């Protein structure tokens, strides 16, 4: 399934309308939040990141709802990524 970002005005960005722009970013696992092993990628140097599928989207993203399927156990980086922040808006604009 391919995810397309709708052309929603920046002023209307909410996690409900964003369509998961941040879910295609590389997410390093810096602390233990309980991310299930099936969503963890370990490279040849032992660095752990969230597993992403070939299309670049996070493996924990529910493709039907565009919500995180492990929200209660999401990585620290995901917890601090603020809706509507400069980083959020930049990622959104890159995907439009």
PDB file of N, CA and C in Angstrom:
ATOM      1  N   UNK A   1       0.836  -1.179   0.000  1.00  0.00           N
ATOM      2  CA  UNK A   1       0.000   0.000   0.000  1.00  0.00           C
ATOM      3  C   UNK A   1       0.881   1.242   0.000  1.00  0.00           C
ATOM      4  N   UNK A   2       0.590   2.186  -0.864  1.00  0.00           N
ATOM      5  CA  UNK A   2       1.316   3.446  -0.922  1.00  0.00           C
ATOM      6  C   UNK A   2       0.550   4.490  -0.131  1.00  0.00           C
ATOM      7  N   UNK A   3       1.252   5.269   0.662  1.00  0.00           N
ATOM      8  CA  UNK A   3       0.613   6.311   1.452  1.00  0.00           C
ATOM      9  C   UNK A   3       0.833   7.637   0.767  1.00  0.00           C
ATOM     10  N   UNK A   4      -0.230   8.351   0.537  1.00  0.00           N
ATOM     11  CA  UNK A   4      -0.156   9.674  -0.084  1.00  0.00           C
ATOM     12  C   UNK A   4      -0.541  10.725   0.932  1.00  0.00           C
ATOM     13  N   UNK A   5       0.215  11.788   0.972  1.00  0.00           N
ATOM     14  CA  UNK A   5      -0.068  12.882   1.885  1.00  0.00           C
ATOM     15  C   UNK A   5      -1.015  13.855   1.185  1.00  0.00           C
ATOM     16  N   UNK A   6      -2.136  14.151   1.854  1.00  0.00           N
ATOM     17  CA  UNK A   6      -3.094  15.098   1.300  1.00  0.00           C
ATOM     18  C   UNK A   6      -2.551  16.512   1.397  1.00  0.00           C
ATOM     19  N   UNK A   7      -3.009  17.361   0.545  1.00  0.00           N
ATOM     20  CA  UNK A   7      -2.591  18.759   0.555  1.00  0.00           C
ATOM     21  C   UNK A   7      -3.458  19.536   1.548  1.00  0.00           C
ATOM     22  N   UNK A   8      -3.141  19.379   2.823  1.00  0.00           N
ATOM     23  CA  UNK A   8      -3.872  20.043   3.902  1.00  0.00           C
ATOM     24  C   UNK A   8      -3.096  21.285   4.294  1.00  0.00           C
ATOM     25  N   UNK A   9      -3.779  22.441   4.413  1.00  0.00           N
ATOM     26  CA  UNK A   9      -3.060  23.664   4.809  1.00  0.00           C
ATOM     27  C   UNK A   9      -2.282  23.458   6.107  1.00  0.00           C
ATOM     28  N   UNK A  10      -1.084  24.040   6.168  1.00  0.00           N
ATOM     29  CA  UNK A  10      -0.215  23.894   7.334  1.00  0.00           C
ATOM     30  C   UNK A  10      -0.937  24.299   8.616  1.00  0.00           C
ATOM     31  N   UNK A  11      -1.781  25.314   8.558  1.00  0.00           N
ATOM     32  CA  UNK A  11      -2.482  25.771   9.760  1.00  0.00           C
ATOM     33  C   UNK A  11      -3.435  24.709  10.304  1.00  0.00           C
ATOM     34  N   UNK A  12      -3.816  23.730   9.478  1.00  0.00           N
ATOM     35  CA  UNK A  12      -4.748  22.690   9.893  1.00  0.00           C
ATOM     36  C   UNK A  12      -4.056  21.382  10.263  1.00  0.00           C
ATOM     37  N   UNK A  13      -2.740  21.403  10.428  1.00  0.00           N
ATOM     38  CA  UNK A  13      -2.016  20.175  10.741  1.00  0.00           C
ATOM     39  C   UNK A  13      -2.340  19.716  12.153  1.00  0.00           C
ATOM     40  N   UNK A  14      -2.810  18.507  12.238  1.00  0.00           N
ATOM     41  CA  UNK A  14      -2.987  17.818  13.513  1.00  0.00           C
ATOM     42  C   UNK A  14      -2.556  16.383  13.264  1.00  0.00           C
ATOM     43  N   UNK A  15      -2.350  15.632  14.297  1.00  0.00           N
ATOM     44  CA  UNK A  15      -1.974  14.237  14.101  1.00  0.00           C
ATOM     45  C   UNK A  15      -3.091  13.471  13.377  1.00  0.00           C
ATOM     46  N   UNK A  16      -4.333  13.940  13.490  1.00  0.00           N
ATOM     47  CA  UNK A  16      -5.454  13.282  12.821  1.00  0.00           C
ATOM     48  C   UNK A  16      -5.496  13.596  11.327  1.00  0.00           C
ATOM     49  N   UNK A  17      -4.906  14.718  10.893  1.00  0.00           N
ATOM     50  CA  UNK A  17      -4.958  15.086   9.475  1.00  0.00           C
ATOM     51  C   UNK A  17      -3.614  14.976   8.778  1.00  0.00           C
ATOM     52  N   UNK A  18      -2.570  14.673   9.500  1.00  0.00           N
ATOM     53  CA  UNK A  18      -1.214  14.716   8.950  1.00  0.00           C
ATOM     54  C   UNK A  18      -0.917  13.590   7.990  1.00  0.00           C
ATOM     55  N   UNK A  19      -1.480  12.436   8.187  1.00  0.00           N
ATOM     56  CA  UNK A  19      -1.197  11.234   7.415  1.00  0.00           C
ATOM     57  C   UNK A  19       0.221  10.725   7.649  1.00  0.00           C
ATOM     58  N   UNK A  20       0.679  10.839   8.854  1.00  0.00           N
ATOM     59  CA  UNK A  20       1.891  10.159   9.315  1.00  0.00           C
ATOM     60  C   UNK A  20       3.173  10.551   8.590  1.00  0.00           C
ATOM     61  N   UNK A  21       3.362  11.816   8.304  1.00  0.00           N
ATOM     62  CA  UNK A  21       4.583  12.273   7.632  1.00  0.00           C
ATOM     63  C   UNK A  21       5.838  11.869   8.400  1.00  0.00           C
ATOM     64  N   UNK A  22       5.775  11.928   9.719  1.00  0.00           N
ATOM     65  CA  UNK A  22       6.956  11.614  10.524  1.00  0.00           C
ATOM     66  C   UNK A  22       7.268  10.117  10.536  1.00  0.00           C
ATOM     67  N   UNK A  23       6.352   9.284  10.076  1.00  0.00           N
ATOM     68  CA  UNK A  23       6.544   7.832  10.138  1.00  0.00           C
ATOM     69  C   UNK A  23       7.433   7.282   9.030  1.00  0.00           C
ATOM     70  N   UNK A  24       8.021   8.171   8.250  1.00  0.00           N
ATOM     71  CA  UNK A  24       8.986   7.710   7.251  1.00  0.00           C
ATOM     72  C   UNK A  24      10.407   8.164   7.604  1.00  0.00           C
ATOM     73  N   UNK A  25      10.566   8.771   8.761  1.00  0.00           N
ATOM     74  CA  UNK A  25      11.884   9.199   9.226  1.00  0.00           C
ATOM     75  C   UNK A  25      12.616   8.035   9.878  1.00  0.00           C
ATOM     76  N   UNK A  26      13.964   8.075   9.852  1.00  0.00           N
ATOM     77  CA  UNK A  26      14.720   7.065  10.586  1.00  0.00           C
ATOM     78  C   UNK A  26      14.582   7.358  12.073  1.00  0.00           C
ATOM     79  N   UNK A  27      14.226   6.339  12.825  1.00  0.00           N
ATOM     80  CA  UNK A  27      14.039   6.491  14.266  1.00  0.00           C
ATOM     81  C   UNK A  27      15.019   5.590  14.991  1.00  0.00           C
ATOM     82  N   UNK A  28      15.996   6.212  15.633  1.00  0.00           N
ATOM     83  CA  UNK A  28      16.967   5.459  16.425  1.00  0.00           C
ATOM     84  C   UNK A  28      16.340   5.119  17.775  1.00  0.00           C
ATOM     85  N   UNK A  29      16.607   3.919  18.246  1.00  0.00           N
ATOM     86  CA  UNK A  29      16.100   3.491  19.549  1.00  0.00           C
ATOM     87  C   UNK A  29      17.171   3.788  20.579  1.00  0.00           C
ATOM     88  N   UNK A  30      16.920   4.827  21.381  1.00  0.00           N
ATOM     89  CA  UNK A  30      17.908   5.319  22.339  1.00  0.00           C
ATOM     90  C   UNK A  30      17.649   4.852  23.766  1.00  0.00           C
ATOM     91  N   UNK A  31      16.430   4.424  24.016  1.00  0.00           N
ATOM     92  CA  UNK A  31      16.076   3.958  25.354  1.00  0.00           C
ATOM     93  C   UNK A  31      15.092   2.808  25.214  1.00  0.00           C
ATOM     94  N   UNK A  32      14.921   2.057  26.277  1.00  0.00           N
ATOM     95  CA  UNK A  32      14.002   0.921  26.235  1.00  0.00           C
ATOM     96  C   UNK A  32      12.597   1.397  26.577  1.00  0.00           C
ATOM     97  N   UNK A  33      11.727   1.421  25.576  1.00  0.00           N
ATOM     98  CA  UNK A  33      10.326   1.794  25.807  1.00  0.00           C
ATOM     99  C   UNK A  33       9.412   0.601  25.600  1.00  0.00           C
ATOM    100  N   UNK A  34       9.987  -0.546  25.297  1.00  0.00           N
ATOM    101  CA  UNK A  34       9.189  -1.746  25.093  1.00  0.00           C
ATOM    102  C   UNK A  34       8.776  -1.978  23.650  1.00  0.00           C
ATOM    103  N   UNK A  35       9.492  -1.370  22.701  1.00  0.00           N
ATOM    104  CA  UNK A  35       9.192  -1.600  21.286  1.00  0.00           C
ATOM    105  C   UNK A  35       9.329  -3.092  21.015  1.00  0.00           C
ATOM    106  N   UNK A  36       8.291  -3.726  20.468  1.00  0.00           N
ATOM    107  CA  UNK A  36       8.380  -5.163  20.173  1.00  0.00           C
ATOM    108  C   UNK A  36       9.509  -5.460  19.186  1.00  0.00           C
ATOM    109  N   UNK A  37      10.187  -6.583  19.394  1.00  0.00           N
ATOM    110  CA  UNK A  37      11.334  -6.958  18.564  1.00  0.00           C
ATOM    111  C   UNK A  37      10.995  -6.995  17.075  1.00  0.00           C
ATOM    112  N   UNK A  38       9.756  -7.327  16.733  1.00  0.00           N
ATOM    113  CA  UNK A  38       9.384  -7.429  15.317  1.00  0.00           C
ATOM    114  C   UNK A  38       9.449  -6.079  14.599  1.00  0.00           C
ATOM    115  N   UNK A  39       9.547  -4.985  15.360  1.00  0.00           N
ATOM    116  CA  UNK A  39       9.633  -3.642  14.785  1.00  0.00           C
ATOM    117  C   UNK A  39      11.028  -3.035  14.904  1.00  0.00           C
ATOM    118  N   UNK A  40      12.007  -3.829  15.335  1.00  0.00           N
ATOM    119  CA  UNK A  40      13.367  -3.332  15.549  1.00  0.00           C
ATOM    120  C   UNK A  40      14.297  -3.870  14.461  1.00  0.00           C
ATOM    121  N   UNK A  41      15.050  -2.964  13.867  1.00  0.00           N
ATOM    122  CA  UNK A  41      16.096  -3.340  12.902  1.00  0.00           C
ATOM    123  C   UNK A  41      17.441  -3.105  13.578  1.00  0.00           C
ATOM    124  N   UNK A  42      18.307  -4.105  13.524  1.00  0.00           N
ATOM    125  CA  UNK A  42      19.647  -3.996  14.096  1.00  0.00           C
ATOM    126  C   UNK A  42      20.641  -4.092  12.938  1.00  0.00           C
ATOM    127  N   UNK A  43      21.468  -3.047  12.766  1.00  0.00           N
ATOM    128  CA  UNK A  43      22.437  -3.068  11.659  1.00  0.00           C
ATOM    129  C   UNK A  43      23.687  -3.852  12.061  1.00  0.00           C
ATOM    130  N   UNK A  44      24.638  -3.924  11.136  1.00  0.00           N
ATOM    131  CA  UNK A  44      25.848  -4.726  11.357  1.00  0.00           C
ATOM    132  C   UNK A  44      26.721  -4.208  12.493  1.00  0.00           C
ATOM    133  N   UNK A  45      26.478  -2.986  12.956  1.00  0.00           N
ATOM    134  CA  UNK A  45      27.236  -2.402  14.065  1.00  0.00           C
ATOM    135  C   UNK A  45      26.472  -2.480  15.392  1.00  0.00           C
ATOM    136  N   UNK A  46      25.285  -3.078  15.358  1.00  0.00           N
ATOM    137  CA  UNK A  46      24.472  -3.216  16.558  1.00  0.00           C
ATOM    138  C   UNK A  46      23.558  -2.034  16.819  1.00  0.00           C
ATOM    139  N   UNK A  47      23.540  -1.041  15.933  1.00  0.00           N
ATOM    140  CA  UNK A  47      22.661   0.123  16.099  1.00  0.00           C
ATOM    141  C   UNK A  47      21.219  -0.307  15.852  1.00  0.00           C
ATOM    142  N   UNK A  48      20.343   0.067  16.775  1.00  0.00           N
ATOM    143  CA  UNK A  48      18.937  -0.296  16.660  1.00  0.00           C
ATOM    144  C   UNK A  48      18.109   0.898  16.188  1.00  0.00           C
ATOM    145  N   UNK A  49      17.289   0.635  15.183  1.00  0.00           N
ATOM    146  CA  UNK A  49      16.347   1.631  14.675  1.00  0.00           C
ATOM    147  C   UNK A  49      14.999   0.943  14.492  1.00  0.00           C
ATOM    148  N   UNK A  50      13.989   1.757  14.297  1.00  0.00           N
ATOM    149  CA  UNK A  50      12.685   1.186  13.965  1.00  0.00           C
ATOM    150  C   UNK A  50      12.779   0.581  12.572  1.00  0.00           C
ATOM    151  N   UNK A  51      12.224  -0.594  12.421  1.00  0.00           N
ATOM    152  CA  UNK A  51      12.181  -1.272  11.135  1.00  0.00           C
ATOM    153  C   UNK A  51      11.292  -0.482  10.184  1.00  0.00           C
ATOM    154  N   UNK A  52      11.784  -0.294   8.973  1.00  0.00           N
ATOM    155  CA  UNK A  52      10.980   0.362   7.940  1.00  0.00           C
ATOM    156  C   UNK A  52      10.849  -0.607   6.770  1.00  0.00           C
ATOM    157  N   UNK A  53       9.686  -0.570   6.135  1.00  0.00           N
ATOM    158  CA  UNK A  53       9.460  -1.414   4.975  1.00  0.00           C
ATOM    159  C   UNK A  53      10.144  -0.812   3.756  1.00  0.00           C
ATOM    160  N   UNK A  54      10.155  -1.543   2.655  1.00  0.00           N
ATOM    161  CA  UNK A  54      10.846  -1.102   1.441  1.00  0.00           C
ATOM    162  C   UNK A  54      10.402   0.274   0.965  1.00  0.00           C
ATOM    163  N   UNK A  55       9.143   0.644   1.240  1.00  0.00           N
ATOM    164  CA  UNK A  55       8.647   1.958   0.809  1.00  0.00           C
ATOM    165  C   UNK A  55       9.068   3.077   1.758  1.00  0.00           C
ATOM    166  N   UNK A  56       9.799   2.723   2.835  1.00  0.00           N
ATOM    167  CA  UNK A  56      10.320   3.717   3.763  1.00  0.00           C
ATOM    168  C   UNK A  56       9.455   3.999   4.974  1.00  0.00           C
ATOM    169  N   UNK A  57       8.249   3.472   5.014  1.00  0.00           N
ATOM    170  CA  UNK A  57       7.344   3.739   6.132  1.00  0.00           C
ATOM    171  C   UNK A  57       7.623   2.791   7.284  1.00  0.00           C
ATOM    172  N   UNK A  58       7.441   3.279   8.508  1.00  0.00           N
ATOM    173  CA  UNK A  58       7.662   2.524   9.734  1.00  0.00           C
ATOM    174  C   UNK A  58       6.784   1.269   9.771  1.00  0.00           C
ATOM    175  N   UNK A  59       7.370   0.175  10.237  1.00  0.00           N
ATOM    176  CA  UNK A  59       6.628  -1.080  10.316  1.00  0.00           C
ATOM    177  C   UNK A  59       5.523  -1.041  11.368  1.00  0.00           C
ATOM    178  N   UNK A  60       5.587  -0.106  12.300  1.00  0.00           N
ATOM    179  CA  UNK A  60       4.561  -0.014  13.344  1.00  0.00           C
ATOM    180  C   UNK A  60       3.361   0.837  12.914  1.00  0.00           C
ATOM    181  N   UNK A  61       3.440   1.434  11.744  1.00  0.00           N
ATOM    182  CA  UNK A  61       2.338   2.265  11.253  1.00  0.00           C
ATOM    183  C   UNK A  61       1.220   1.375  10.728  1.00  0.00           C
ATOM    184  N   UNK A  62       0.032   1.516  11.299  1.00  0.00           N
ATOM    185  CA  UNK A  62      -1.145   0.801  10.799  1.00  0.00           C
ATOM    186  C   UNK A  62      -1.548   1.461   9.491  1.00  0.00           C
ATOM    187  N   UNK A  63      -1.433   0.758   8.404  1.00  0.00           N
ATOM    188  CA  UNK A  63      -1.662   1.334   7.080  1.00  0.00           C
ATOM    189  C   UNK A  63      -3.114   1.686   6.829  1.00  0.00           C
ATOM    190  N   UNK A  64      -4.051   1.111   7.565  1.00  0.00           N
ATOM    191  CA  UNK A  64      -5.468   1.427   7.374  1.00  0.00           C
ATOM    192  C   UNK A  64      -5.875   2.702   8.102  1.00  0.00           C
ATOM    193  N   UNK A  65      -5.346   2.888   9.308  1.00  0.00           N
ATOM    194  CA  UNK A  65      -5.746   4.038  10.125  1.00  0.00           C
ATOM    195  C   UNK A  65      -4.712   5.160  10.132  1.00  0.00           C
ATOM    196  N   UNK A  66      -3.483   4.854   9.692  1.00  0.00           N
ATOM    197  CA  UNK A  66      -2.340   5.773   9.758  1.00  0.00           C
ATOM    198  C   UNK A  66      -2.033   6.192  11.190  1.00  0.00           C
ATOM    199  N   UNK A  67      -2.279   5.280  12.120  1.00  0.00           N
ATOM    200  CA  UNK A  67      -1.955   5.482  13.526  1.00  0.00           C
ATOM    201  C   UNK A  67      -0.874   4.485  13.926  1.00  0.00           C
ATOM    202  N   UNK A  68      -0.153   4.816  14.979  1.00  0.00           N
ATOM    203  CA  UNK A  68       0.901   3.944  15.475  1.00  0.00           C
ATOM    204  C   UNK A  68       0.288   2.729  16.166  1.00  0.00           C
ATOM    205  N   UNK A  69       0.685   1.540  15.729  1.00  0.00           N
ATOM    206  CA  UNK A  69       0.135   0.315  16.315  1.00  0.00           C
ATOM    207  C   UNK A  69       0.787  -0.029  17.660  1.00  0.00           C
ATOM    208  N   UNK A  70       1.856   0.676  18.013  1.00  0.00           N
ATOM    209  CA  UNK A  70       2.540   0.429  19.295  1.00  0.00           C
ATOM    210  C   UNK A  70       2.632   1.732  20.092  1.00  0.00           C
ATOM    211  N   UNK A  71       1.629   2.577  19.981  1.00  0.00           N
ATOM    212  CA  UNK A  71       1.667   3.928  20.545  1.00  0.00           C
ATOM    213  C   UNK A  71       2.130   3.947  22.004  1.00  0.00           C
ATOM    214  N   UNK A  72       1.637   3.053  22.818  1.00  0.00           N
ATOM    215  CA  UNK A  72       2.016   3.032  24.237  1.00  0.00           C
ATOM    216  C   UNK A  72       3.477   2.651  24.440  1.00  0.00           C
ATOM    217  N   UNK A  73       4.079   1.999  23.450  1.00  0.00           N
ATOM    218  CA  UNK A  73       5.477   1.569  23.535  1.00  0.00           C
ATOM    219  C   UNK A  73       6.334   2.223  22.458  1.00  0.00           C
ATOM    220  N   UNK A  74       5.880   3.353  21.944  1.00  0.00           N
ATOM    221  CA  UNK A  74       6.630   4.020  20.868  1.00  0.00           C
ATOM    222  C   UNK A  74       7.972   4.517  21.389  1.00  0.00           C
ATOM    223  N   UNK A  75       8.935   4.650  20.481  1.00  0.00           N
ATOM    224  CA  UNK A  75      10.271   5.110  20.880  1.00  0.00           C
ATOM    225  C   UNK A  75      10.264   6.526  21.458  1.00  0.00           C
ATOM    226  N   UNK A  76      11.298   6.827  22.215  1.00  0.00           N
ATOM    227  CA  UNK A  76      11.456   8.137  22.845  1.00  0.00           C
ATOM    228  C   UNK A  76      11.411   9.253  21.806  1.00  0.00           C
ATOM    229  N   UNK A  77      12.098   9.054  20.675  1.00  0.00           N
ATOM    230  CA  UNK A  77      12.139  10.077  19.628  1.00  0.00           C
ATOM    231  C   UNK A  77      10.720  10.397  19.136  1.00  0.00           C
ATOM    232  N   UNK A  78       9.900   9.388  18.997  1.00  0.00           N
ATOM    233  CA  UNK A  78       8.511   9.603  18.568  1.00  0.00           C
ATOM    234  C   UNK A  78       7.712  10.348  19.636  1.00  0.00           C
ATOM    235  N   UNK A  79       8.023  10.099  20.883  1.00  0.00           N
ATOM    236  CA  UNK A  79       7.303  10.752  21.983  1.00  0.00           C
ATOM    237  C   UNK A  79       7.567  12.256  22.037  1.00  0.00           C
ATOM    238  N   UNK A  80       8.767  12.684  21.616  1.00  0.00           N
ATOM    239  CA  UNK A  80       9.102  14.109  21.717  1.00  0.00           C
ATOM    240  C   UNK A  80       8.893  14.869  20.409  1.00  0.00           C
ATOM    241  N   UNK A  81       8.540  14.157  19.331  1.00  0.00           N
ATOM    242  CA  UNK A  81       8.298  14.814  18.049  1.00  0.00           C
ATOM    243  C   UNK A  81       6.937  15.504  18.133  1.00  0.00           C
ATOM    244  N   UNK A  82       6.940  16.821  18.201  1.00  0.00           N
ATOM    245  CA  UNK A  82       5.713  17.572  18.470  1.00  0.00           C
ATOM    246  C   UNK A  82       4.923  17.896  17.215  1.00  0.00           C
ATOM    247  N   UNK A  83       3.625  17.641  17.293  1.00  0.00           N
ATOM    248  CA  UNK A  83       2.720  17.997  16.227  1.00  0.00           C
ATOM    249  C   UNK A  83       2.775  19.501  15.994  1.00  0.00           C
ATOM    250  N   UNK A  84       2.948  19.899  14.749  1.00  0.00           N
ATOM    251  CA  UNK A  84       2.973  21.316  14.401  1.00  0.00           C
ATOM    252  C   UNK A  84       4.297  22.006  14.663  1.00  0.00           C
ATOM    253  N   UNK A  85       5.305  21.263  15.160  1.00  0.00           N
ATOM    254  CA  UNK A  85       6.620  21.862  15.402  1.00  0.00           C
ATOM    255  C   UNK A  85       7.284  22.184  14.065  1.00  0.00           C
ATOM    256  N   UNK A  86       8.379  22.910  14.131  1.00  0.00           N
ATOM    257  CA  UNK A  86       9.133  23.240  12.919  1.00  0.00           C
ATOM    258  C   UNK A  86       9.502  21.972  12.165  1.00  0.00           C
ATOM    259  N   UNK A  87       9.991  20.950  12.889  1.00  0.00           N
ATOM    260  CA  UNK A  87      10.378  19.687  12.258  1.00  0.00           C
ATOM    261  C   UNK A  87       9.179  19.016  11.598  1.00  0.00           C
ATOM    262  N   UNK A  88       8.047  19.032  12.267  1.00  0.00           N
ATOM    263  CA  UNK A  88       6.814  18.445  11.735  1.00  0.00           C
ATOM    264  C   UNK A  88       6.414  19.141  10.430  1.00  0.00           C
ATOM    265  N   UNK A  89       6.399  20.447  10.442  1.00  0.00           N
ATOM    266  CA  UNK A  89       6.010  21.212   9.261  1.00  0.00           C
ATOM    267  C   UNK A  89       6.989  20.974   8.114  1.00  0.00           C
ATOM    268  N   UNK A  90       8.292  20.927   8.418  1.00  0.00           N
ATOM    269  CA  UNK A  90       9.293  20.674   7.374  1.00  0.00           C
ATOM    270  C   UNK A  90       9.096  19.302   6.737  1.00  0.00           C
ATOM    271  N   UNK A  91       8.856  18.283   7.549  1.00  0.00           N
ATOM    272  CA  UNK A  91       8.630  16.944   7.016  1.00  0.00           C
ATOM    273  C   UNK A  91       7.368  16.918   6.153  1.00  0.00           C
ATOM    274  N   UNK A  92       6.360  17.590   6.613  1.00  0.00           N
ATOM    275  CA  UNK A  92       5.099  17.658   5.876  1.00  0.00           C
ATOM    276  C   UNK A  92       5.299  18.334   4.525  1.00  0.00           C
ATOM    277  N   UNK A  93       6.029  19.441   4.507  1.00  0.00           N
ATOM    278  CA  UNK A  93       6.269  20.167   3.258  1.00  0.00           C
ATOM    279  C   UNK A  93       7.115  19.325   2.299  1.00  0.00           C
ATOM    280  N   UNK A  94       8.066  18.553   2.826  1.00  0.00           N
ATOM    281  CA  UNK A  94       8.896  17.689   1.982  1.00  0.00           C
ATOM    282  C   UNK A  94       8.066  16.607   1.292  1.00  0.00           C
ATOM    283  N   UNK A  95       6.981  16.188   1.919  1.00  0.00           N
ATOM    284  CA  UNK A  95       6.155  15.106   1.392  1.00  0.00           C
ATOM    285  C   UNK A  95       5.067  15.599   0.444  1.00  0.00           C
ATOM    286  N   UNK A  96       4.848  16.911   0.403  1.00  0.00           N
ATOM    287  CA  UNK A  96       3.779  17.463  -0.461  1.00  0.00           C
ATOM    288  C   UNK A  96       4.234  17.561  -1.891  1.00  0.00           C
TER     289      UNK A  96
END
